[in-house]
C-alpha atoms as a PDB file:
ATOM      1  CA  UNK A   1    -182.519 -92.034 123.682  1.00  0.00           C
ATOM      2  CA  UNK A   2    -182.358 -90.462 120.325  1.00  0.00           C
ATOM      3  CA  UNK A   3    -179.068 -90.526 118.377  1.00  0.00           C
ATOM      4  CA  UNK A   4    -178.089 -86.811 120.231  1.00  0.00           C
ATOM      5  CA  UNK A   5    -176.079 -88.733 122.546  1.00  0.00           C
ATOM      6  CA  UNK A   6    -173.660 -89.413 119.972  1.00  0.00           C
ATOM      7  CA  UNK A   7    -174.271 -86.143 118.069  1.00  0.00           C
ATOM      8  CA  UNK A   8    -170.861 -84.919 119.205  1.00  0.00           C
ATOM      9  CA  UNK A   9    -169.318 -88.235 117.950  1.00  0.00           C
ATOM     10  CA  UNK A  10    -167.050 -88.825 114.899  1.00  0.00           C
ATOM     11  CA  UNK A  11    -166.673 -91.711 112.496  1.00  0.00           C
ATOM     12  CA  UNK A  12    -165.020 -92.392 109.172  1.00  0.00           C
ATOM     13  CA  UNK A  13    -166.849 -94.126 106.685  1.00  0.00           C
ATOM     14  CA  UNK A  14    -165.523 -96.174 103.726  1.00  0.00           C
ATOM     15  CA  UNK A  15    -167.164 -99.085 101.964  1.00  0.00           C
ATOM     16  CA  UNK A  16    -164.710-101.199 100.293  1.00  0.00           C
ATOM     17  CA  UNK A  17    -166.179-100.984  97.047  1.00  0.00           C
ATOM     18  CA  UNK A  18    -165.778 -97.129  97.007  1.00  0.00           C
ATOM     19  CA  UNK A  19    -162.532 -95.750  95.722  1.00  0.00           C
ATOM     20  CA  UNK A  20    -160.982 -92.808  97.486  1.00  0.00           C
ATOM     21  CA  UNK A  21    -160.472 -89.425  96.224  1.00  0.00           C
ATOM     22  CA  UNK A  22    -156.524 -88.719  96.095  1.00  0.00           C
ATOM     23  CA  UNK A  23    -155.168 -87.820  99.141  1.00  0.00           C
ATOM     24  CA  UNK A  24    -157.946 -88.951 101.545  1.00  0.00           C
ATOM     25  CA  UNK A  25    -157.421 -90.792 104.642  1.00  0.00           C
ATOM     26  CA  UNK A  26    -158.183 -94.581 104.795  1.00  0.00           C
ATOM     27  CA  UNK A  27    -161.085 -95.394 107.189  1.00  0.00           C
ATOM     28  CA  UNK A  28    -163.307 -97.991 107.923  1.00  0.00           C
ATOM     29  CA  UNK A  29    -166.825 -98.290 107.161  1.00  0.00           C
ATOM     30  CA  UNK A  30    -169.389 -99.149 109.867  1.00  0.00           C
ATOM     31  CA  UNK A  31    -168.689-102.864 111.205  1.00  0.00           C
ATOM     32  CA  UNK A  32    -165.501-102.962 109.534  1.00  0.00           C
ATOM     33  CA  UNK A  33    -162.204-102.518 111.774  1.00  0.00           C
ATOM     34  CA  UNK A  34    -164.022-100.571 114.458  1.00  0.00           C
ATOM     35  CA  UNK A  35    -166.939-100.871 116.973  1.00  0.00           C
ATOM     36  CA  UNK A  36    -170.197 -99.213 116.686  1.00  0.00           C
ATOM     37  CA  UNK A  37    -168.879 -96.159 119.003  1.00  0.00           C
ATOM     38  CA  UNK A  38    -167.970 -93.283 116.559  1.00  0.00           C
ATOM     39  CA  UNK A  39    -164.177 -92.322 116.732  1.00  0.00           C
ATOM     40  CA  UNK A  40    -162.868 -88.910 117.286  1.00  0.00           C
ATOM     41  CA  UNK A  41    -161.277 -86.617 114.532  1.00  0.00           C
ATOM     42  CA  UNK A  42    -158.292 -88.193 112.768  1.00  0.00           C
ATOM     43  CA  UNK A  43    -155.870 -86.966 109.833  1.00  0.00           C
ATOM     44  CA  UNK A  44    -153.274 -88.328 107.793  1.00  0.00           C
ATOM     45  CA  UNK A  45    -150.117 -87.290 106.128  1.00  0.00           C
ATOM     46  CA  UNK A  46    -148.446 -89.330 103.394  1.00  0.00           C
ATOM     47  CA  UNK A  47    -144.720 -89.137 102.367  1.00  0.00           C
ATOM     48  CA  UNK A  48    -145.678 -86.662  99.392  1.00  0.00           C
ATOM     49  CA  UNK A  49    -147.269 -84.099 101.812  1.00  0.00           C
ATOM     50  CA  UNK A  50    -150.858 -85.041 100.825  1.00  0.00           C
ATOM     51  CA  UNK A  51    -152.865 -84.109 103.665  1.00  0.00           C
ATOM     52  CA  UNK A  52    -156.108 -85.619 104.648  1.00  0.00           C
ATOM     53  CA  UNK A  53    -158.667 -85.404 107.930  1.00  0.00           C
ATOM     54  CA  UNK A  54    -161.992 -87.079 108.989  1.00  0.00           C
ATOM     55  CA  UNK A  55    -164.556 -85.655 111.102  1.00  0.00           C
ATOM     56  CA  UNK A  56    -167.889 -86.919 111.576  1.00  0.00           C
ATOM     57  CA  UNK A  57    -168.996 -89.151 108.398  1.00  0.00           C
ATOM     58  CA  UNK A  58    -166.825 -86.842 106.092  1.00  0.00           C
ATOM     59  CA  UNK A  59    -163.507 -87.241 104.843  1.00  0.00           C
ATOM     60  CA  UNK A  60    -161.612 -84.036 103.924  1.00  0.00           C
ATOM     61  CA  UNK A  61    -158.819 -84.037 101.270  1.00  0.00           C
ATOM     62  CA  UNK A  62    -156.687 -80.906 102.321  1.00  0.00           C
ATOM     63  CA  UNK A  63    -153.806 -81.628  99.832  1.00  0.00           C
ATOM     64  CA  UNK A  64    -154.933 -78.183  97.924  1.00  0.00           C
ATOM     65  CA  UNK A  65    -155.428 -76.099 101.005  1.00  0.00           C
ATOM     66  CA  UNK A  66    -153.492 -73.363 102.455  1.00  0.00           C
ATOM     67  CA  UNK A  67    -150.770 -74.215 104.828  1.00  0.00           C
ATOM     68  CA  UNK A  68    -148.361 -72.756 107.266  1.00  0.00           C
ATOM     69  CA  UNK A  69    -148.156 -70.662 110.477  1.00  0.00           C
ATOM     70  CA  UNK A  70    -149.977 -67.473 108.927  1.00  0.00           C
ATOM     71  CA  UNK A  71    -153.120 -69.191 107.486  1.00  0.00           C
ATOM     72  CA  UNK A  72    -156.540 -68.971 108.751  1.00  0.00           C
ATOM     73  CA  UNK A  73    -160.169 -69.447 108.143  1.00  0.00           C
ATOM     74  CA  UNK A  74    -162.028 -67.132 105.972  1.00  0.00           C
ATOM     75  CA  UNK A  75    -164.927 -65.332 107.530  1.00  0.00           C
ATOM     76  CA  UNK A  76    -168.082 -65.172 105.543  1.00  0.00           C
ATOM     77  CA  UNK A  77    -168.935 -61.630 104.207  1.00  0.00           C
ATOM     78  CA  UNK A  78    -172.586 -62.104 105.040  1.00  0.00           C
ATOM     79  CA  UNK A  79    -174.638 -63.774 108.111  1.00  0.00           C
ATOM     80  CA  UNK A  80    -174.382 -67.123 106.035  1.00  0.00           C
ATOM     81  CA  UNK A  81    -172.429 -69.891 108.094  1.00  0.00           C
ATOM     82  CA  UNK A  82    -171.727 -73.533 107.206  1.00  0.00           C
ATOM     83  CA  UNK A  83    -173.937 -76.018 108.715  1.00  0.00           C
ATOM     84  CA  UNK A  84    -173.342 -76.652 112.634  1.00  0.00           C
ATOM     85  CA  UNK A  85    -174.911 -80.046 112.010  1.00  0.00           C
ATOM     86  CA  UNK A  86    -175.774 -82.753 109.254  1.00  0.00           C
ATOM     87  CA  UNK A  87    -177.189 -86.342 109.113  1.00  0.00           C
ATOM     88  CA  UNK A  88    -175.059 -89.109 107.472  1.00  0.00           C
ATOM     89  CA  UNK A  89    -174.676 -92.895 107.654  1.00  0.00           C
ATOM     90  CA  UNK A  90    -173.405 -94.016 111.179  1.00  0.00           C
ATOM     91  CA  UNK A  91    -174.398 -97.482 111.981  1.00  0.00           C
ATOM     92  CA  UNK A  92    -174.644-100.861 110.412  1.00  0.00           C
ATOM     93  CA  UNK A  93    -177.739-102.982 111.849  1.00  0.00           C
ATOM     94  CA  UNK A  94    -175.159-104.877 114.235  1.00  0.00           C
ATOM     95  CA  UNK A  95    -173.745-101.692 115.364  1.00  0.00           C
ATOM     96  CA  UNK A  96    -176.866 -99.769 116.356  1.00  0.00           C
ATOM     97  CA  UNK A  97    -178.088-102.863 118.282  1.00  0.00           C
ATOM     98  CA  UNK A  98    -174.563-102.771 120.257  1.00  0.00           C
ATOM     99  CA  UNK A  99    -175.131 -99.221 120.774  1.00  0.00           C
ATOM    100  CA  UNK A 100    -178.801 -99.087 122.028  1.00  0.00           C
ATOM    101  CA  UNK A 101    -179.217-102.479 123.844  1.00  0.00           C
ATOM    102  CA  UNK A 102    -176.574-101.593 126.462  1.00  0.00           C
ATOM    103  CA  UNK A 103    -178.465 -98.208 127.102  1.00  0.00           C
ATOM    104  CA  UNK A 104    -181.765 -99.811 127.402  1.00  0.00           C
ATOM    105  CA  UNK A 105    -180.232-102.576 129.923  1.00  0.00           C
ATOM    106  CA  UNK A 106    -179.103 -99.890 132.539  1.00  0.00           C
ATOM    107  CA  UNK A 107    -182.466 -98.177 132.327  1.00  0.00           C
ATOM    108  CA  UNK A 108    -180.631 -94.836 132.315  1.00  0.00           C
ATOM    109  CA  UNK A 109    -183.132 -93.081 130.234  1.00  0.00           C
ATOM    110  CA  UNK A 110    -186.517 -94.418 131.942  1.00  0.00           C
ATOM    111  CA  UNK A 111    -188.813 -97.281 131.191  1.00  0.00           C
ATOM    112  CA  UNK A 112    -191.155 -95.309 128.982  1.00  0.00           C
ATOM    113  CA  UNK A 113    -188.519 -94.180 127.019  1.00  0.00           C
ATOM    114  CA  UNK A 114    -186.841 -97.243 126.421  1.00  0.00           C
ATOM    115  CA  UNK A 115    -190.194 -98.935 125.641  1.00  0.00           C
ATOM    116  CA  UNK A 116    -190.560 -96.454 122.799  1.00  0.00           C
ATOM    117  CA  UNK A 117    -187.391 -96.942 121.531  1.00  0.00           C
ATOM    118  CA  UNK A 118    -187.634-100.731 121.368  1.00  0.00           C
ATOM    119  CA  UNK A 119    -190.751-100.441 119.422  1.00  0.00           C
ATOM    120  CA  UNK A 120    -189.455 -98.160 117.224  1.00  0.00           C
ATOM    121  CA  UNK A 121    -186.295-100.274 116.433  1.00  0.00           C
ATOM    122  CA  UNK A 122    -187.382-103.882 117.288  1.00  0.00           C
ATOM    123  CA  UNK A 123    -190.691-104.550 117.383  1.00  0.00           C
ATOM    124  CA  UNK A 124    -191.675-103.090 113.619  1.00  0.00           C
ATOM    125  CA  UNK A 125    -192.788 -99.822 114.388  1.00  0.00           C
ATOM    126  CA  UNK A 126    -191.434 -99.156 111.841  1.00  0.00           C
ATOM    127  CA  UNK A 127    -188.416-100.782 112.141  1.00  0.00           C
ATOM    128  CA  UNK A 128    -188.012-104.556 113.233  1.00  0.00           C
ATOM    129  CA  UNK A 129    -185.070-106.360 114.932  1.00  0.00           C
ATOM    130  CA  UNK A 130    -182.659-103.160 114.014  1.00  0.00           C
ATOM    131  CA  UNK A 131    -183.199-104.134 110.152  1.00  0.00           C
ATOM    132  CA  UNK A 132    -180.902-106.840 110.514  1.00  0.00           C
ATOM    133  CA  UNK A 133    -182.344-108.317 107.157  1.00  0.00           C
ATOM    134  CA  UNK A 134    -181.003-105.445 105.395  1.00  0.00           C
ATOM    135  CA  UNK A 135    -177.569-105.852 106.432  1.00  0.00           C
ATOM    136  CA  UNK A 136    -175.241-104.575 103.874  1.00  0.00           C
ATOM    137  CA  UNK A 137    -178.031-102.939 101.934  1.00  0.00           C
ATOM    138  CA  UNK A 138    -177.972 -99.317 103.738  1.00  0.00           C
ATOM    139  CA  UNK A 139    -177.185 -97.551 106.954  1.00  0.00           C
ATOM    140  CA  UNK A 140    -178.712 -96.143 109.786  1.00  0.00           C
ATOM    141  CA  UNK A 141    -178.315 -92.564 109.744  1.00  0.00           C
ATOM    142  CA  UNK A 142    -177.760 -90.232 112.801  1.00  0.00           C
ATOM    143  CA  UNK A 143    -176.937 -86.427 113.469  1.00  0.00           C
ATOM    144  CA  UNK A 144    -173.337 -85.329 113.658  1.00  0.00           C
ATOM    145  CA  UNK A 145    -172.355 -81.994 115.179  1.00  0.00           C
ATOM    146  CA  UNK A 146    -169.286 -80.013 113.498  1.00  0.00           C
ATOM    147  CA  UNK A 147    -166.494 -79.605 116.210  1.00  0.00           C
ATOM    148  CA  UNK A 148    -166.527 -76.226 117.860  1.00  0.00           C
ATOM    149  CA  UNK A 149    -170.329 -75.890 117.036  1.00  0.00           C
ATOM    150  CA  UNK A 150    -171.656 -77.543 119.703  1.00  0.00           C
ATOM    151  CA  UNK A 151    -173.137 -74.459 121.639  1.00  0.00           C
ATOM    152  CA  UNK A 152    -174.239 -73.114 118.483  1.00  0.00           C
ATOM    153  CA  UNK A 153    -177.816 -72.656 117.895  1.00  0.00           C
ATOM    154  CA  UNK A 154    -177.621 -74.277 114.543  1.00  0.00           C
ATOM    155  CA  UNK A 155    -176.788 -77.691 116.458  1.00  0.00           C
ATOM    156  CA  UNK A 156    -179.959 -77.877 117.691  1.00  0.00           C
ATOM    157  CA  UNK A 157    -181.311 -78.343 114.498  1.00  0.00           C
ATOM    158  CA  UNK A 158    -180.842 -81.909 114.067  1.00  0.00           C
ATOM    159  CA  UNK A 159    -182.698 -83.725 116.723  1.00  0.00           C
ATOM    160  CA  UNK A 160    -184.446 -86.203 114.621  1.00  0.00           C
ATOM    161  CA  UNK A 161    -184.144 -89.916 115.903  1.00  0.00           C
ATOM    162  CA  UNK A 162    -182.046 -92.336 114.382  1.00  0.00           C
ATOM    163  CA  UNK A 163    -183.226 -93.565 110.762  1.00  0.00           C
ATOM    164  CA  UNK A 164    -182.764 -96.067 107.911  1.00  0.00           C
ATOM    165  CA  UNK A 165    -181.745 -95.303 104.597  1.00  0.00           C
ATOM    166  CA  UNK A 166    -181.443 -98.140 101.899  1.00  0.00           C
ATOM    167  CA  UNK A 167    -178.816 -98.050  99.519  1.00  0.00           C
ATOM    168  CA  UNK A 168    -179.104 -96.050  96.457  1.00  0.00           C
ATOM    169  CA  UNK A 169    -181.914 -94.377  98.166  1.00  0.00           C
ATOM    170  CA  UNK A 170    -182.219 -90.665  98.843  1.00  0.00           C
ATOM    171  CA  UNK A 171    -182.921 -89.712 102.617  1.00  0.00           C
ATOM    172  CA  UNK A 172    -186.484 -88.604 103.144  1.00  0.00           C
ATOM    173  CA  UNK A 173    -187.033 -84.948 101.508  1.00  0.00           C
ATOM    174  CA  UNK A 174    -188.022 -83.511 105.026  1.00  0.00           C
ATOM    175  CA  UNK A 175    -184.772 -83.662 106.151  1.00  0.00           C
ATOM    176  CA  UNK A 176    -182.863 -80.613 105.085  1.00  0.00           C
ATOM    177  CA  UNK A 177    -179.653 -81.567 106.767  1.00  0.00           C
ATOM    178  CA  UNK A 178    -179.177 -84.737 105.191  1.00  0.00           C
ATOM    179  CA  UNK A 179    -175.796 -84.772 103.551  1.00  0.00           C
ATOM    180  CA  UNK A 180    -175.782 -84.044  99.939  1.00  0.00           C
ATOM    181  CA  UNK A 181    -173.052 -82.391  97.600  1.00  0.00           C
ATOM    182  CA  UNK A 182    -173.843 -79.012  98.517  1.00  0.00           C
ATOM    183  CA  UNK A 183    -173.813 -79.855 102.423  1.00  0.00           C
ATOM    184  CA  UNK A 184    -170.411 -81.435 101.713  1.00  0.00           C
ATOM    185  CA  UNK A 185    -169.407 -77.930  99.893  1.00  0.00           C
ATOM    186  CA  UNK A 186    -170.676 -76.061 102.969  1.00  0.00           C
ATOM    187  CA  UNK A 187    -168.694 -78.070 105.112  1.00  0.00           C
ATOM    188  CA  UNK A 188    -165.674 -77.861 103.235  1.00  0.00           C
ATOM    189  CA  UNK A 189    -165.972 -74.178 103.371  1.00  0.00           C
ATOM    190  CA  UNK A 190    -165.284 -74.416 107.042  1.00  0.00           C
ATOM    191  CA  UNK A 191    -161.895 -76.172 106.497  1.00  0.00           C
ATOM    192  CA  UNK A 192    -160.657 -73.781 103.985  1.00  0.00           C
ATOM    193  CA  UNK A 193    -157.456 -72.187 105.141  1.00  0.00           C
ATOM    194  CA  UNK A 194    -155.950 -69.094 103.500  1.00  0.00           C
ATOM    195  CA  UNK A 195    -152.555 -67.309 103.817  1.00  0.00           C
ATOM    196  CA  UNK A 196    -152.412 -64.016 106.164  1.00  0.00           C
ATOM    197  CA  UNK A 197    -151.411 -61.208 104.174  1.00  0.00           C
ATOM    198  CA  UNK A 198    -148.055 -59.235 105.162  1.00  0.00           C
ATOM    199  CA  UNK A 199    -147.773 -56.277 102.762  1.00  0.00           C
ATOM    200  CA  UNK A 200    -144.466 -55.185 101.672  1.00  0.00           C
ATOM    201  CA  UNK A 201    -144.277 -51.440 101.929  1.00  0.00           C
ATOM    202  CA  UNK A 202    -141.867 -48.764 100.277  1.00  0.00           C
ATOM    203  CA  UNK A 203    -140.394 -47.223 102.397  1.00  0.00           C
ATOM    204  CA  UNK A 204    -139.926 -50.327 104.252  1.00  0.00           C
ATOM    205  CA  UNK A 205    -138.637 -49.168 107.558  1.00  0.00           C
ATOM    206  CA  UNK A 206    -141.342 -46.653 108.350  1.00  0.00           C
ATOM    207  CA  UNK A 207    -142.771 -44.038 106.264  1.00  0.00           C
ATOM    208  CA  UNK A 208    -143.121 -40.144 106.344  1.00  0.00           C
ATOM    209  CA  UNK A 209    -146.363 -37.760 106.728  1.00  0.00           C
ATOM    210  CA  UNK A 210    -147.576 -37.012 103.230  1.00  0.00           C
ATOM    211  CA  UNK A 211    -145.568 -39.390 101.566  1.00  0.00           C
ATOM    212  CA  UNK A 212    -147.046 -41.846  99.390  1.00  0.00           C
ATOM    213  CA  UNK A 213    -146.281 -45.386 100.795  1.00  0.00           C
ATOM    214  CA  UNK A 214    -146.450 -48.260  98.026  1.00  0.00           C
ATOM    215  CA  UNK A 215    -147.969 -51.452  99.009  1.00  0.00           C
ATOM    216  CA  UNK A 216    -147.935 -54.664  97.356  1.00  0.00           C
ATOM    217  CA  UNK A 217    -147.948 -58.601  98.210  1.00  0.00           C
ATOM    218  CA  UNK A 218    -146.354 -61.593  96.590  1.00  0.00           C
ATOM    219  CA  UNK A 219    -148.941 -62.710  94.087  1.00  0.00           C
ATOM    220  CA  UNK A 220    -147.325 -66.389  94.315  1.00  0.00           C
ATOM    221  CA  UNK A 221    -148.642 -66.834  98.100  1.00  0.00           C
ATOM    222  CA  UNK A 222    -152.317 -66.125  96.803  1.00  0.00           C
ATOM    223  CA  UNK A 223    -153.325 -68.601  94.500  1.00  0.00           C
ATOM    224  CA  UNK A 224    -156.733 -70.709  94.683  1.00  0.00           C
ATOM    225  CA  UNK A 225    -156.813 -73.184  97.348  1.00  0.00           C
ATOM    226  CA  UNK A 226    -159.635 -75.989  97.708  1.00  0.00           C
ATOM    227  CA  UNK A 227    -160.894 -78.621 100.130  1.00  0.00           C
ATOM    228  CA  UNK A 228    -162.887 -81.704  98.927  1.00  0.00           C
ATOM    229  CA  UNK A 229    -165.269 -83.255 101.127  1.00  0.00           C
ATOM    230  CA  UNK A 230    -166.700 -86.639 100.756  1.00  0.00           C
ATOM    231  CA  UNK A 231    -168.721 -89.449 102.206  1.00  0.00           C
ATOM    232  CA  UNK A 232    -167.285 -92.480 100.084  1.00  0.00           C
ATOM    233  CA  UNK A 233    -169.664 -94.823 101.732  1.00  0.00           C
ATOM    234  CA  UNK A 234    -172.054 -92.903  99.716  1.00  0.00           C
ATOM    235  CA  UNK A 235    -169.840 -92.211  96.727  1.00  0.00           C
ATOM    236  CA  UNK A 236    -170.591 -88.465  96.660  1.00  0.00           C
ATOM    237  CA  UNK A 237    -168.212 -85.306  97.371  1.00  0.00           C
ATOM    238  CA  UNK A 238    -167.855 -81.835  96.593  1.00  0.00           C
ATOM    239  CA  UNK A 239    -165.024 -79.657  95.957  1.00  0.00           C
ATOM    240  CA  UNK A 240    -164.914 -75.906  97.463  1.00  0.00           C
ATOM    241  CA  UNK A 241    -162.389 -73.450  95.752  1.00  0.00           C
ATOM    242  CA  UNK A 242    -161.455 -70.108  97.149  1.00  0.00           C
ATOM    243  CA  UNK A 243    -159.511 -67.502  94.587  1.00  0.00           C
ATOM    244  CA  UNK A 244    -158.372 -64.101  95.815  1.00  0.00           C
ATOM    245  CA  UNK A 245    -159.872 -60.998  94.245  1.00  0.00           C
ATOM    246  CA  UNK A 246    -158.978 -58.198  96.141  1.00  0.00           C
ATOM    247  CA  UNK A 247    -156.905 -56.636  98.592  1.00  0.00           C
ATOM    248  CA  UNK A 248    -158.327 -53.993 101.246  1.00  0.00           C
ATOM    249  CA  UNK A 249    -155.805 -51.647 103.098  1.00  0.00           C
ATOM    250  CA  UNK A 250    -157.112 -50.055 106.615  1.00  0.00           C
ATOM    251  CA  UNK A 251    -154.429 -47.520 107.465  1.00  0.00           C
ATOM    252  CA  UNK A 252    -155.253 -47.731 111.092  1.00  0.00           C
ATOM    253  CA  UNK A 253    -156.003 -44.276 111.519  1.00  0.00           C
ATOM    254  CA  UNK A 254    -158.361 -41.883 109.905  1.00  0.00           C
ATOM    255  CA  UNK A 255    -155.694 -39.461 109.188  1.00  0.00           C
ATOM    256  CA  UNK A 256    -154.690 -40.991 105.911  1.00  0.00           C
ATOM    257  CA  UNK A 257    -155.480 -41.358 102.369  1.00  0.00           C
ATOM    258  CA  UNK A 258    -155.951 -44.754 100.575  1.00  0.00           C
ATOM    259  CA  UNK A 259    -154.716 -45.603  96.930  1.00  0.00           C
ATOM    260  CA  UNK A 260    -156.991 -46.121  95.087  1.00  0.00           C
ATOM    261  CA  UNK A 261    -159.580 -44.162  97.199  1.00  0.00           C
ATOM    262  CA  UNK A 262    -161.785 -46.874  98.540  1.00  0.00           C
ATOM    263  CA  UNK A 263    -158.894 -48.703  99.981  1.00  0.00           C
ATOM    264  CA  UNK A 264    -159.540 -51.789  97.623  1.00  0.00           C
ATOM    265  CA  UNK A 265    -156.653 -53.113  95.306  1.00  0.00           C
ATOM    266  CA  UNK A 266    -157.959 -55.600  92.735  1.00  0.00           C
ATOM    267  CA  UNK A 267    -156.036 -58.652  92.166  1.00  0.00           C
ATOM    268  CA  UNK A 268    -155.285 -59.009  88.716  1.00  0.00           C
ATOM    269  CA  UNK A 269    -152.967 -61.688  86.984  1.00  0.00           C
ATOM    270  CA  UNK A 270    -151.928 -62.868  90.368  1.00  0.00           C
ATOM    271  CA  UNK A 271    -150.271 -59.579  90.921  1.00  0.00           C
ATOM    272  CA  UNK A 272    -151.574 -57.450  94.214  1.00  0.00           C
ATOM    273  CA  UNK A 273    -150.316 -54.004  93.800  1.00  0.00           C
ATOM    274  CA  UNK A 274    -147.078 -53.098  92.398  1.00  0.00           C
ATOM    275  CA  UNK A 275    -143.359 -53.146  93.870  1.00  0.00           C
ATOM    276  CA  UNK A 276    -141.613 -49.726  94.271  1.00  0.00           C
ATOM    277  CA  UNK A 277    -138.960 -49.104  92.062  1.00  0.00           C
ATOM    278  CA  UNK A 278    -136.504 -46.382  91.576  1.00  0.00           C
ATOM    279  CA  UNK A 279    -137.630 -43.112  90.006  1.00  0.00           C
ATOM    280  CA  UNK A 280    -141.214 -43.974  91.054  1.00  0.00           C
ATOM    281  CA  UNK A 281    -141.175 -41.359  94.002  1.00  0.00           C
ATOM    282  CA  UNK A 282    -143.356 -39.049  92.346  1.00  0.00           C
ATOM    283  CA  UNK A 283    -145.858 -41.551  90.949  1.00  0.00           C
ATOM    284  CA  UNK A 284    -149.158 -42.561  92.670  1.00  0.00           C
ATOM    285  CA  UNK A 285    -148.833 -45.914  93.788  1.00  0.00           C
ATOM    286  CA  UNK A 286    -151.457 -48.200  92.258  1.00  0.00           C
ATOM    287  CA  UNK A 287    -152.081 -49.821  95.752  1.00  0.00           C
ATOM    288  CA  UNK A 288    -150.882 -48.076  99.182  1.00  0.00           C
ATOM    289  CA  UNK A 289    -151.492 -45.331 101.409  1.00  0.00           C
ATOM    290  CA  UNK A 290    -150.487 -41.835 102.454  1.00  0.00           C
ATOM    291  CA  UNK A 291    -150.505 -40.932 106.237  1.00  0.00           C
ATOM    292  CA  UNK A 292    -151.352 -37.189 107.013  1.00  0.00           C
ATOM    293  CA  UNK A 293    -150.041 -37.081 110.414  1.00  0.00           C
ATOM    294  CA  UNK A 294    -147.256 -38.690 112.416  1.00  0.00           C
ATOM    295  CA  UNK A 295    -147.717 -41.926 114.596  1.00  0.00           C
ATOM    296  CA  UNK A 296    -145.553 -40.355 117.151  1.00  0.00           C
ATOM    297  CA  UNK A 297    -143.548 -42.568 119.562  1.00  0.00           C
ATOM    298  CA  UNK A 298    -145.834 -45.357 118.636  1.00  0.00           C
ATOM    299  CA  UNK A 299    -147.102 -47.015 115.151  1.00  0.00           C
ATOM    300  CA  UNK A 300    -150.251 -47.290 113.203  1.00  0.00           C
ATOM    301  CA  UNK A 301    -151.954 -50.814 113.034  1.00  0.00           C
ATOM    302  CA  UNK A 302    -152.384 -51.273 109.282  1.00  0.00           C
ATOM    303  CA  UNK A 303    -154.834 -53.581 108.541  1.00  0.00           C
ATOM    304  CA  UNK A 304    -154.340 -55.759 105.161  1.00  0.00           C
ATOM    305  CA  UNK A 305    -157.786 -57.947 104.306  1.00  0.00           C
ATOM    306  CA  UNK A 306    -157.774 -60.272 101.394  1.00  0.00           C
ATOM    307  CA  UNK A 307    -161.265 -60.996  99.830  1.00  0.00           C
ATOM    308  CA  UNK A 308    -161.811 -64.613  98.572  1.00  0.00           C
ATOM    309  CA  UNK A 309    -164.483 -65.404  96.077  1.00  0.00           C
ATOM    310  CA  UNK A 310    -165.571 -69.102  96.855  1.00  0.00           C
ATOM    311  CA  UNK A 311    -167.182 -71.544  94.485  1.00  0.00           C
ATOM    312  CA  UNK A 312    -168.151 -75.414  94.692  1.00  0.00           C
ATOM    313  CA  UNK A 313    -168.817 -78.169  92.537  1.00  0.00           C
ATOM    314  CA  UNK A 314    -170.540 -81.627  93.425  1.00  0.00           C
ATOM    315  CA  UNK A 315    -169.980 -85.339  92.253  1.00  0.00           C
ATOM    316  CA  UNK A 316    -173.330 -84.799  90.732  1.00  0.00           C
ATOM    317  CA  UNK A 317    -172.819 -82.116  88.578  1.00  0.00           C
ATOM    318  CA  UNK A 318    -174.272 -79.330  90.892  1.00  0.00           C
ATOM    319  CA  UNK A 319    -172.418 -76.338  91.721  1.00  0.00           C
ATOM    320  CA  UNK A 320    -172.658 -72.710  92.510  1.00  0.00           C
ATOM    321  CA  UNK A 321    -171.096 -69.851  94.502  1.00  0.00           C
ATOM    322  CA  UNK A 322    -171.003 -69.631  98.382  1.00  0.00           C
ATOM    323  CA  UNK A 323    -170.555 -66.531 100.203  1.00  0.00           C
ATOM    324  CA  UNK A 324    -167.488 -64.394  99.607  1.00  0.00           C
ATOM    325  CA  UNK A 325    -164.928 -64.846 102.602  1.00  0.00           C
ATOM    326  CA  UNK A 326    -162.112 -62.568 104.009  1.00  0.00           C
ATOM    327  CA  UNK A 327    -159.218 -63.169 105.973  1.00  0.00           C
ATOM    328  CA  UNK A 328    -156.657 -60.297 107.255  1.00  0.00           C
ATOM    329  CA  UNK A 329    -153.574 -59.848 109.522  1.00  0.00           C
ATOM    330  CA  UNK A 330    -152.511 -56.299 110.947  1.00  0.00           C
ATOM    331  CA  UNK A 331    -148.797 -55.245 111.108  1.00  0.00           C
ATOM    332  CA  UNK A 332    -147.233 -51.864 112.738  1.00  0.00           C
ATOM    333  CA  UNK A 333    -146.252 -48.977 110.952  1.00  0.00           C
ATOM    334  CA  UNK A 334    -144.129 -45.999 112.143  1.00  0.00           C
ATOM    335  CA  UNK A 335    -145.038 -42.444 110.276  1.00  0.00           C
ATOM    336  CA  UNK A 336    -142.296 -39.897 111.396  1.00  0.00           C
ATOM    337  CA  UNK A 337    -142.504 -36.123 110.269  1.00  0.00           C
ATOM    338  CA  UNK A 338    -140.480 -35.029 107.358  1.00  0.00           C
ATOM    339  CA  UNK A 339    -137.281 -33.226 108.908  1.00  0.00           C
ATOM    340  CA  UNK A 340    -136.608 -29.851 107.387  1.00  0.00           C
ATOM    341  CA  UNK A 341    -133.176 -28.008 107.508  1.00  0.00           C
ATOM    342  CA  UNK A 342    -133.781 -24.397 107.986  1.00  0.00           C
ATOM    343  CA  UNK A 343    -130.821 -22.117 106.594  1.00  0.00           C
END
């Protein structure tokens, strides 16, 4: 039986000699304070509001992430998605023995399979006696599947049997899913949360046909956010940062014109659009919309979407861009005909 049966299992790994990143959850390494069986996801919040979470072998520092009821995950603007599975340390020699021997004892996987597994992990082909002679000098690595991605086809990419990696040694080069700072950066992408944009409009309580409507956002809500993912037992980490770059306004009807024409308002100096001020009624808003027909007795679903530019930096000095992500929100806008008085 491969480690696939525990692929959905989750364990937090920390070596006593490794200093945790600020805000990360305190967790145990293999064999320290917990049994061989992986535990579920966990989180931590200290008195200063610093938030952290563990999932699989990865510890997430969420203290600089977006928070609040209106926040949500960014969606990649390409077909790329963060990895559905990865390989990382899971067992000490004693823990692997405690996990596999009860499985073999009940013969649930069949004699032939059990014999093959004993040959691999006990009889020296290639490992002997669960590598007990290397206790404290490395870990057994196994696969983890990201929560919520169990049915993703990518989850089937990690089917390699449990394998050993010595301390201070890179995992086999033919395993692209083996955890690295880049893999951690991609996993952190999945944890990024950004605020949902609720656009301020002028006029505020409904607008008029053919009247330019100003739109803007509170720039203070749209600052960069970041998540740091680490595997403390390996001493590696990566920080993934998302920065807002533009706002796209979808009027909710084809009978409308956007300002500027493509409907994309760049974010400069932390400001998104410009608040309407007295005396600007005849000016063209730098960001906004003009409706060409009434919404009748209903409303138009104006959609505001922020584009976030995402990049990462790893503990080994590596780093790069990841695909831009978006997150948006919809609000109802009532549009009325301008009433004229005939004399």
